[in-house]
Amino acid sequence: MNHTTCKCDIRSEGRFSGWSDYDEFAEQLEKNPLFVLTPVSKPHSNVGLVERWYQCVACQSVWRLLEPDPPFNGLWERVEIEA
């Protein structure tokens, strides 16, 4: 199964509107059996942002979740894994 036919695209990629938006999504993500935590192999930034990666068990896509750190509102995006 590839990413375009998988149900792991549960939210549009991009930034959160703030902490409440992030918290709500992070809670939903933790309960979603389609995703498992996977090690962060290449951090988005080296400035101390809290970052977690999740892998889709169906299509193996990897997604990055960055916690807000104002003025940065956090981020949800697919990670391109280099072979």
C-alpha atoms as a PDB file:
ATOM      1  CA  MET A   1       0.000   0.000   0.000  1.00  0.00           C
ATOM      2  CA  ASN A   2       1.344   3.441  -0.799  1.00  0.00           C
ATOM      3  CA  HIS A   3       0.728   6.723   0.969  1.00  0.00           C
ATOM      4  CA  THR A   4      -1.811   8.006  -1.539  1.00  0.00           C
ATOM      5  CA  THR A   5      -4.192   5.113  -0.847  1.00  0.00           C
ATOM      6  CA  CYS A   6      -3.609   4.883   2.909  1.00  0.00           C
ATOM      7  CA  LYS A   7      -5.739   6.368   5.667  1.00  0.00           C
ATOM      8  CA  CYS A   8      -2.715   7.726   7.556  1.00  0.00           C
ATOM      9  CA  ASP A   9      -3.235  11.183   6.095  1.00  0.00           C
ATOM     10  CA  ILE A  10      -5.403  12.063   9.111  1.00  0.00           C
ATOM     11  CA  ARG A  11      -4.654  15.786   9.120  1.00  0.00           C
ATOM     12  CA  SER A  12      -3.382  18.272   6.571  1.00  0.00           C
ATOM     13  CA  GLU A  13       0.343  18.786   6.815  1.00  0.00           C
ATOM     14  CA  GLY A  14       1.352  22.076   8.359  1.00  0.00           C
ATOM     15  CA  ARG A  15       1.434  24.100  11.531  1.00  0.00           C
ATOM     16  CA  PHE A  16      -1.030  24.030  14.394  1.00  0.00           C
ATOM     17  CA  SER A  17      -3.137  27.038  15.346  1.00  0.00           C
ATOM     18  CA  GLY A  18      -1.777  26.852  18.904  1.00  0.00           C
ATOM     19  CA  TRP A  19      -1.409  24.631  21.950  1.00  0.00           C
ATOM     20  CA  SER A  20      -5.044  23.515  22.123  1.00  0.00           C
ATOM     21  CA  ASP A  21      -4.993  22.432  18.469  1.00  0.00           C
ATOM     22  CA  TYR A  22      -1.723  20.561  19.040  1.00  0.00           C
ATOM     23  CA  ASP A  23      -2.920  18.919  22.281  1.00  0.00           C
ATOM     24  CA  GLU A  24      -6.155  17.721  20.687  1.00  0.00           C
ATOM     25  CA  PHE A  25      -4.321  16.231  17.706  1.00  0.00           C
ATOM     26  CA  ALA A  26      -1.564  14.639  19.829  1.00  0.00           C
ATOM     27  CA  GLU A  27      -4.210  12.949  21.993  1.00  0.00           C
ATOM     28  CA  GLN A  28      -5.997  11.575  18.916  1.00  0.00           C
ATOM     29  CA  LEU A  29      -2.697  10.407  17.461  1.00  0.00           C
ATOM     30  CA  GLU A  30      -1.720   8.510  20.629  1.00  0.00           C
ATOM     31  CA  LYS A  31      -5.023   6.593  20.485  1.00  0.00           C
ATOM     32  CA  ASN A  32      -4.809   5.826  16.754  1.00  0.00           C
ATOM     33  CA  PRO A  33      -3.724   2.183  16.200  1.00  0.00           C
ATOM     34  CA  LEU A  34      -2.533   3.041  12.690  1.00  0.00           C
ATOM     35  CA  PHE A  35       0.530   4.840  14.121  1.00  0.00           C
ATOM     36  CA  VAL A  36       3.472   3.623  16.189  1.00  0.00           C
ATOM     37  CA  LEU A  37       6.300   5.709  17.615  1.00  0.00           C
ATOM     38  CA  THR A  38       9.561   5.319  15.743  1.00  0.00           C
ATOM     39  CA  PRO A  39      13.004   6.787  16.483  1.00  0.00           C
ATOM     40  CA  VAL A  40      13.821  10.255  15.159  1.00  0.00           C
ATOM     41  CA  SER A  41      16.697   9.734  12.751  1.00  0.00           C
ATOM     42  CA  LYS A  42      17.145  13.298  11.483  1.00  0.00           C
ATOM     43  CA  PRO A  43      15.682  16.066  13.679  1.00  0.00           C
ATOM     44  CA  HIS A  44      13.849  18.977  12.056  1.00  0.00           C
ATOM     45  CA  SER A  45      15.943  21.422  14.052  1.00  0.00           C
ATOM     46  CA  ASN A  46      18.727  21.401  16.584  1.00  0.00           C
ATOM     47  CA  VAL A  47      17.235  24.160  18.757  1.00  0.00           C
ATOM     48  CA  GLY A  48      15.625  21.874  21.316  1.00  0.00           C
ATOM     49  CA  LEU A  49      12.145  21.380  19.861  1.00  0.00           C
ATOM     50  CA  VAL A  50      10.264  18.364  21.211  1.00  0.00           C
ATOM     51  CA  GLU A  51       9.917  16.056  18.225  1.00  0.00           C
ATOM     52  CA  ARG A  52       8.329  12.638  17.821  1.00  0.00           C
ATOM     53  CA  TRP A  53       8.100  10.505  14.704  1.00  0.00           C
ATOM     54  CA  TYR A  54       5.245   8.133  13.984  1.00  0.00           C
ATOM     55  CA  GLN A  55       5.171   5.372  11.399  1.00  0.00           C
ATOM     56  CA  CYS A  56       2.020   4.172   9.694  1.00  0.00           C
ATOM     57  CA  VAL A  57       1.687   0.418  10.170  1.00  0.00           C
ATOM     58  CA  ALA A  58      -0.205   0.076   6.874  1.00  0.00           C
ATOM     59  CA  CYS A  59       1.952   1.948   4.356  1.00  0.00           C
ATOM     60  CA  GLN A  60       5.147   2.542   6.393  1.00  0.00           C
ATOM     61  CA  SER A  61       5.035   6.336   5.870  1.00  0.00           C
ATOM     62  CA  VAL A  62       6.795   8.289   8.606  1.00  0.00           C
ATOM     63  CA  TRP A  63       5.310  11.460  10.067  1.00  0.00           C
ATOM     64  CA  ARG A  64       6.929  14.173  12.205  1.00  0.00           C
ATOM     65  CA  LEU A  65       5.140  15.818  15.139  1.00  0.00           C
ATOM     66  CA  LEU A  66       6.764  18.938  16.563  1.00  0.00           C
ATOM     67  CA  GLU A  67       5.502  20.429  19.799  1.00  0.00           C
ATOM     68  CA  PRO A  68       4.749  24.169  19.804  1.00  0.00           C
ATOM     69  CA  ASP A  69       7.456  26.494  21.095  1.00  0.00           C
ATOM     70  CA  PRO A  70       6.097  30.048  20.640  1.00  0.00           C
ATOM     71  CA  PRO A  71       6.224  31.839  18.365  1.00  0.00           C
ATOM     72  CA  PHE A  72       6.505  28.490  16.489  1.00  0.00           C
ATOM     73  CA  ASN A  73       3.104  26.740  16.602  1.00  0.00           C
ATOM     74  CA  GLY A  74       4.285  23.177  16.106  1.00  0.00           C
ATOM     75  CA  LEU A  75       4.155  21.037  12.975  1.00  0.00           C
ATOM     76  CA  TRP A  76       2.754  17.816  11.508  1.00  0.00           C
ATOM     77  CA  GLU A  77       4.382  16.632   8.285  1.00  0.00           C
ATOM     78  CA  ARG A  78       5.389  13.554   6.391  1.00  0.00           C
ATOM     79  CA  VAL A  79       9.095  12.747   6.510  1.00  0.00           C
ATOM     80  CA  GLU A  80      10.911  11.750   3.355  1.00  0.00           C
ATOM     81  CA  ILE A  81      13.156   8.836   4.320  1.00  0.00           C
ATOM     82  CA  GLU A  82      16.296   8.511   2.255  1.00  0.00           C
ATOM     83  CA  ALA A  83      17.135   4.981   1.202  1.00  0.00           C
END
